[in-house]
Amino acid sequence: MMNGIQNRRLIETYRAETAAKRKEMDELGSKPAVFQATRCFACGGSLDLPTVHFLCKHSFHQRCLNNQNQGIGMRNENEHAECPVCAPQNATIRAIRRGEWQFNVVYR
């Protein structure tokens, strides 16, 4: 079980990570992003057009991304696409935020 010192360290780590992510988000909104990937993350082949680049820096052939997204419930190419590599971590973060919101609604 964590003691108070460990909890404070963990909180400080989370605060530092949050500050870094906020800075990164600000920069994404104001600076151009450079994509230097040369290989598709899914198949490992050389990237050719059409290519999809995500801000997380993962890049895919559009055909590979479409094949992967069919397995995770993407219904068509126009639907909001999420990086399939980062999707599980993003889902965890969304669930944590949803839980925090529900907690705040119930207990505040």
N, C-alpha and C. Protein backbone atom coordinates (compact mmCIF):
# COMPACT_ATOMS: atom_id res chain seq x y z
N MET A 1 0.84 -1.18 0.00
CA MET A 1 0.00 0.00 0.00
C MET A 1 0.89 1.26 0.00
N MET A 2 0.45 2.27 -0.69
CA MET A 2 1.23 3.50 -0.81
C MET A 2 1.12 4.33 0.46
N ASN A 3 2.23 4.96 0.80
CA ASN A 3 2.18 5.88 1.93
C ASN A 3 2.04 7.31 1.39
N GLY A 4 1.98 8.26 2.27
CA GLY A 4 1.76 9.65 1.90
C GLY A 4 2.85 10.22 1.01
N ILE A 5 4.10 9.86 1.29
CA ILE A 5 5.22 10.37 0.48
C ILE A 5 5.13 9.84 -0.95
N GLN A 6 4.84 8.55 -1.08
CA GLN A 6 4.70 7.96 -2.41
C GLN A 6 3.54 8.60 -3.18
N ASN A 7 2.45 8.85 -2.48
CA ASN A 7 1.30 9.49 -3.11
C ASN A 7 1.66 10.89 -3.61
N ARG A 8 2.36 11.67 -2.79
CA ARG A 8 2.76 13.01 -3.20
C ARG A 8 3.69 12.97 -4.41
N ARG A 9 4.62 12.02 -4.42
CA ARG A 9 5.52 11.88 -5.57
C ARG A 9 4.74 11.54 -6.83
N LEU A 10 3.79 10.64 -6.69
CA LEU A 10 2.96 10.26 -7.83
C LEU A 10 2.15 11.44 -8.34
N ILE A 11 1.60 12.21 -7.44
CA ILE A 11 0.83 13.40 -7.81
C ILE A 11 1.73 14.39 -8.55
N GLU A 12 2.92 14.62 -8.04
CA GLU A 12 3.85 15.54 -8.70
C GLU A 12 4.24 15.04 -10.09
N THR A 13 4.42 13.74 -10.22
CA THR A 13 4.73 13.16 -11.52
C THR A 13 3.58 13.41 -12.50
N TYR A 14 2.36 13.18 -12.04
CA TYR A 14 1.19 13.41 -12.88
C TYR A 14 1.07 14.88 -13.26
N ARG A 15 1.35 15.77 -12.32
CA ARG A 15 1.29 17.21 -12.62
C ARG A 15 2.31 17.59 -13.67
N ALA A 16 3.52 17.07 -13.56
CA ALA A 16 4.57 17.37 -14.53
C ALA A 16 4.20 16.82 -15.91
N GLU A 17 3.68 15.59 -15.95
CA GLU A 17 3.25 15.00 -17.22
C GLU A 17 2.12 15.80 -17.85
N THR A 18 1.19 16.25 -17.02
CA THR A 18 0.06 17.05 -17.52
C THR A 18 0.55 18.38 -18.09
N ALA A 19 1.47 19.03 -17.39
CA ALA A 19 2.02 20.30 -17.88
C ALA A 19 2.73 20.10 -19.22
N ALA A 20 3.49 19.01 -19.34
CA ALA A 20 4.19 18.73 -20.59
C ALA A 20 3.21 18.48 -21.72
N LYS A 21 2.14 17.74 -21.45
CA LYS A 21 1.13 17.46 -22.48
C LYS A 21 0.39 18.74 -22.88
N ARG A 22 0.09 19.61 -21.91
CA ARG A 22 -0.56 20.88 -22.24
C ARG A 22 0.32 21.72 -23.15
N LYS A 23 1.61 21.76 -22.86
CA LYS A 23 2.55 22.50 -23.70
C LYS A 23 2.57 21.91 -25.10
N GLU A 24 2.62 20.59 -25.18
CA GLU A 24 2.62 19.91 -26.47
C GLU A 24 1.34 20.22 -27.25
N MET A 25 0.21 20.23 -26.58
CA MET A 25 -1.06 20.55 -27.24
C MET A 25 -1.07 21.98 -27.75
N ASP A 26 -0.56 22.91 -26.96
CA ASP A 26 -0.47 24.30 -27.40
C ASP A 26 0.40 24.42 -28.66
N GLU A 27 1.51 23.70 -28.66
CA GLU A 27 2.40 23.75 -29.82
C GLU A 27 1.76 23.12 -31.05
N LEU A 28 0.98 22.07 -30.86
CA LEU A 28 0.30 21.44 -31.99
C LEU A 28 -0.68 22.40 -32.65
N GLY A 29 -1.25 23.30 -31.87
CA GLY A 29 -2.20 24.26 -32.40
C GLY A 29 -1.56 25.46 -33.06
N SER A 30 -0.27 25.66 -32.82
CA SER A 30 0.36 26.87 -33.33
C SER A 30 1.60 26.64 -34.20
N LYS A 31 2.10 25.43 -34.23
CA LYS A 31 3.31 25.14 -35.02
C LYS A 31 3.01 24.00 -35.99
N PRO A 32 3.65 24.03 -37.15
CA PRO A 32 3.46 22.91 -38.08
C PRO A 32 4.09 21.63 -37.53
N ALA A 33 3.47 20.52 -37.84
CA ALA A 33 4.00 19.23 -37.42
C ALA A 33 4.79 18.63 -38.59
N VAL A 34 5.94 18.09 -38.30
CA VAL A 34 6.78 17.47 -39.32
C VAL A 34 6.67 15.96 -39.17
N PHE A 35 6.33 15.30 -40.25
CA PHE A 35 6.21 13.85 -40.25
C PHE A 35 7.36 13.28 -41.07
N GLN A 36 8.19 12.49 -40.45
CA GLN A 36 9.36 11.96 -41.13
C GLN A 36 9.32 10.44 -41.27
N ALA A 37 8.19 9.84 -40.98
CA ALA A 37 8.08 8.39 -41.08
C ALA A 37 8.27 7.95 -42.53
N THR A 38 8.96 6.86 -42.71
CA THR A 38 9.15 6.32 -44.05
C THR A 38 8.54 4.93 -44.19
N ARG A 39 8.10 4.37 -43.07
CA ARG A 39 7.52 3.02 -43.08
C ARG A 39 6.13 3.02 -42.45
N CYS A 40 5.27 2.19 -42.99
CA CYS A 40 3.92 2.00 -42.44
C CYS A 40 4.05 1.24 -41.12
N PHE A 41 3.41 1.74 -40.08
CA PHE A 41 3.49 1.09 -38.77
C PHE A 41 2.80 -0.27 -38.78
N ALA A 42 1.81 -0.46 -39.66
CA ALA A 42 1.06 -1.72 -39.70
C ALA A 42 1.80 -2.82 -40.44
N CYS A 43 2.24 -2.51 -41.67
CA CYS A 43 2.83 -3.56 -42.51
C CYS A 43 4.34 -3.46 -42.63
N GLY A 44 4.90 -2.32 -42.26
CA GLY A 44 6.34 -2.14 -42.34
C GLY A 44 6.85 -1.76 -43.72
N GLY A 45 5.94 -1.66 -44.69
CA GLY A 45 6.34 -1.30 -46.05
C GLY A 45 6.63 0.18 -46.17
N SER A 46 7.34 0.56 -47.24
CA SER A 46 7.61 1.97 -47.51
C SER A 46 6.31 2.71 -47.72
N LEU A 47 6.23 3.90 -47.13
CA LEU A 47 5.02 4.69 -47.26
C LEU A 47 4.91 5.25 -48.68
N ASP A 48 3.71 5.12 -49.23
CA ASP A 48 3.38 5.73 -50.51
C ASP A 48 1.98 6.32 -50.36
N LEU A 49 1.54 7.07 -51.31
CA LEU A 49 0.24 7.73 -51.22
C LEU A 49 -0.89 6.76 -51.55
N PRO A 50 -2.03 6.89 -50.93
CA PRO A 50 -2.35 7.81 -49.84
C PRO A 50 -1.83 7.29 -48.48
N THR A 51 -1.34 8.21 -47.70
CA THR A 51 -0.79 7.91 -46.39
C THR A 51 -1.53 8.72 -45.33
N VAL A 52 -1.72 8.12 -44.17
CA VAL A 52 -2.37 8.80 -43.05
C VAL A 52 -1.34 8.97 -41.94
N HIS A 53 -1.15 10.23 -41.52
CA HIS A 53 -0.23 10.54 -40.43
C HIS A 53 -1.06 11.02 -39.24
N PHE A 54 -0.79 10.48 -38.06
CA PHE A 54 -1.45 10.92 -36.85
C PHE A 54 -0.50 11.83 -36.08
N LEU A 55 -1.05 12.72 -35.27
CA LEU A 55 -0.22 13.64 -34.50
C LEU A 55 0.65 12.92 -33.48
N CYS A 56 0.33 11.68 -33.16
CA CYS A 56 1.17 10.88 -32.26
C CYS A 56 2.43 10.40 -32.98
N LYS A 57 2.53 10.71 -34.27
CA LYS A 57 3.67 10.39 -35.13
C LYS A 57 3.64 8.97 -35.71
N HIS A 58 2.54 8.23 -35.51
CA HIS A 58 2.39 6.95 -36.20
C HIS A 58 1.84 7.22 -37.59
N SER A 59 2.36 6.52 -38.59
CA SER A 59 1.93 6.71 -39.98
C SER A 59 1.56 5.36 -40.58
N PHE A 60 0.57 5.38 -41.47
CA PHE A 60 0.04 4.16 -42.08
C PHE A 60 -0.29 4.40 -43.54
N HIS A 61 -0.21 3.34 -44.33
CA HIS A 61 -0.85 3.39 -45.64
C HIS A 61 -2.35 3.50 -45.35
N GLN A 62 -3.06 4.22 -46.15
CA GLN A 62 -4.50 4.33 -45.92
C GLN A 62 -5.16 2.96 -45.99
N ARG A 63 -4.70 2.12 -46.91
CA ARG A 63 -5.29 0.77 -47.05
C ARG A 63 -5.06 -0.06 -45.79
N CYS A 64 -3.88 0.06 -45.17
CA CYS A 64 -3.60 -0.70 -43.94
C CYS A 64 -4.46 -0.18 -42.80
N LEU A 65 -4.61 1.13 -42.72
CA LEU A 65 -5.43 1.72 -41.66
C LEU A 65 -6.88 1.30 -41.83
N ASN A 66 -7.38 1.31 -43.05
CA ASN A 66 -8.76 0.89 -43.31
C ASN A 66 -8.95 -0.56 -42.92
N ASN A 67 -7.98 -1.43 -43.23
CA ASN A 67 -8.09 -2.84 -42.86
C ASN A 67 -8.09 -3.02 -41.35
N GLN A 68 -7.24 -2.28 -40.63
CA GLN A 68 -7.20 -2.37 -39.18
C GLN A 68 -8.48 -1.84 -38.56
N ASN A 69 -8.98 -0.72 -39.07
CA ASN A 69 -10.15 -0.08 -38.47
C ASN A 69 -11.42 -0.88 -38.69
N GLN A 70 -11.48 -1.70 -39.71
CA GLN A 70 -12.65 -2.54 -39.91
C GLN A 70 -12.81 -3.50 -38.73
N GLY A 71 -11.69 -3.92 -38.16
CA GLY A 71 -11.73 -4.83 -37.02
C GLY A 71 -12.06 -4.15 -35.72
N ILE A 72 -11.97 -2.79 -35.65
CA ILE A 72 -12.26 -2.11 -34.39
C ILE A 72 -13.49 -1.24 -34.48
N GLY A 73 -14.33 -1.49 -35.50
CA GLY A 73 -15.62 -0.83 -35.53
C GLY A 73 -15.72 0.43 -36.34
N MET A 74 -14.72 0.78 -37.14
CA MET A 74 -14.85 1.97 -37.98
C MET A 74 -15.74 1.59 -39.16
N ARG A 75 -16.80 2.35 -39.35
CA ARG A 75 -17.77 2.00 -40.37
C ARG A 75 -17.42 2.52 -41.76
N ASN A 76 -16.74 3.66 -41.86
CA ASN A 76 -16.36 4.18 -43.16
C ASN A 76 -15.17 5.11 -43.02
N GLU A 77 -14.60 5.49 -44.17
CA GLU A 77 -13.37 6.29 -44.15
C GLU A 77 -13.61 7.69 -43.60
N ASN A 78 -14.83 8.20 -43.64
CA ASN A 78 -15.11 9.56 -43.20
C ASN A 78 -15.31 9.67 -41.70
N GLU A 79 -15.49 8.55 -41.03
CA GLU A 79 -15.65 8.56 -39.58
C GLU A 79 -14.34 8.97 -38.92
N HIS A 80 -14.43 9.61 -37.77
CA HIS A 80 -13.23 10.06 -37.04
C HIS A 80 -12.27 8.88 -36.87
N ALA A 81 -11.07 9.05 -37.35
CA ALA A 81 -10.07 7.99 -37.24
C ALA A 81 -9.19 8.25 -36.03
N GLU A 82 -8.84 7.19 -35.35
CA GLU A 82 -7.95 7.26 -34.21
C GLU A 82 -6.81 6.29 -34.47
N CYS A 83 -5.63 6.68 -34.07
CA CYS A 83 -4.48 5.81 -34.26
C CYS A 83 -4.74 4.47 -33.57
N PRO A 84 -4.69 3.37 -34.32
CA PRO A 84 -4.97 2.07 -33.69
C PRO A 84 -3.91 1.66 -32.67
N VAL A 85 -2.71 2.20 -32.78
CA VAL A 85 -1.66 1.89 -31.81
C VAL A 85 -1.95 2.58 -30.49
N CYS A 86 -2.40 3.83 -30.54
CA CYS A 86 -2.63 4.63 -29.34
C CYS A 86 -4.06 4.49 -28.78
N ALA A 87 -4.95 3.90 -29.55
CA ALA A 87 -6.36 3.81 -29.16
C ALA A 87 -6.59 3.17 -27.79
N PRO A 88 -5.93 2.06 -27.45
CA PRO A 88 -6.17 1.47 -26.12
C PRO A 88 -5.81 2.41 -24.97
N GLN A 89 -4.67 3.08 -25.08
CA GLN A 89 -4.26 4.02 -24.03
C GLN A 89 -5.23 5.20 -23.98
N ASN A 90 -5.65 5.69 -25.14
CA ASN A 90 -6.61 6.80 -25.19
C ASN A 90 -7.93 6.40 -24.55
N ALA A 91 -8.37 5.17 -24.79
CA ALA A 91 -9.62 4.68 -24.20
C ALA A 91 -9.51 4.63 -22.68
N THR A 92 -8.36 4.22 -22.18
CA THR A 92 -8.15 4.19 -20.73
C THR A 92 -8.23 5.59 -20.14
N ILE A 93 -7.60 6.55 -20.79
CA ILE A 93 -7.62 7.93 -20.31
C ILE A 93 -9.05 8.47 -20.33
N ARG A 94 -9.80 8.19 -21.41
CA ARG A 94 -11.20 8.64 -21.48
C ARG A 94 -12.03 8.02 -20.36
N ALA A 95 -11.79 6.75 -20.06
CA ALA A 95 -12.53 6.08 -18.98
C ALA A 95 -12.21 6.70 -17.63
N ILE A 96 -10.94 7.03 -17.41
CA ILE A 96 -10.55 7.68 -16.15
C ILE A 96 -11.23 9.04 -16.03
N ARG A 97 -11.21 9.81 -17.11
CA ARG A 97 -11.85 11.12 -17.08
C ARG A 97 -13.35 11.01 -16.86
N ARG A 98 -13.97 10.03 -17.49
CA ARG A 98 -15.41 9.81 -17.32
C ARG A 98 -15.70 9.47 -15.86
N GLY A 99 -14.86 8.64 -15.26
CA GLY A 99 -15.03 8.28 -13.85
C GLY A 99 -14.86 9.47 -12.94
N GLU A 100 -13.87 10.32 -13.26
CA GLU A 100 -13.67 11.53 -12.44
C GLU A 100 -14.88 12.45 -12.56
N TRP A 101 -15.40 12.60 -13.77
CA TRP A 101 -16.56 13.47 -13.97
C TRP A 101 -17.76 12.92 -13.19
N GLN A 102 -17.99 11.62 -13.27
CA GLN A 102 -19.11 11.01 -12.55
C GLN A 102 -18.94 11.18 -11.05
N PHE A 103 -17.73 11.00 -10.55
CA PHE A 103 -17.44 11.19 -9.13
C PHE A 103 -17.78 12.61 -8.71
N ASN A 104 -17.34 13.60 -9.51
CA ASN A 104 -17.59 14.99 -9.18
C ASN A 104 -19.08 15.33 -9.21
N VAL A 105 -19.82 14.73 -10.11
CA VAL A 105 -21.26 14.97 -10.19
C VAL A 105 -21.96 14.41 -8.96
N VAL A 106 -21.55 13.23 -8.53
CA VAL A 106 -22.22 12.55 -7.41
C VAL A 106 -21.81 13.13 -6.06
N TYR A 107 -20.52 13.44 -5.89
CA TYR A 107 -20.02 13.78 -4.57
C TYR A 107 -19.72 15.25 -4.35
N ARG A 108 -20.01 16.09 -5.30
CA ARG A 108 -19.75 17.52 -5.08
C ARG A 108 -21.01 18.31 -5.18
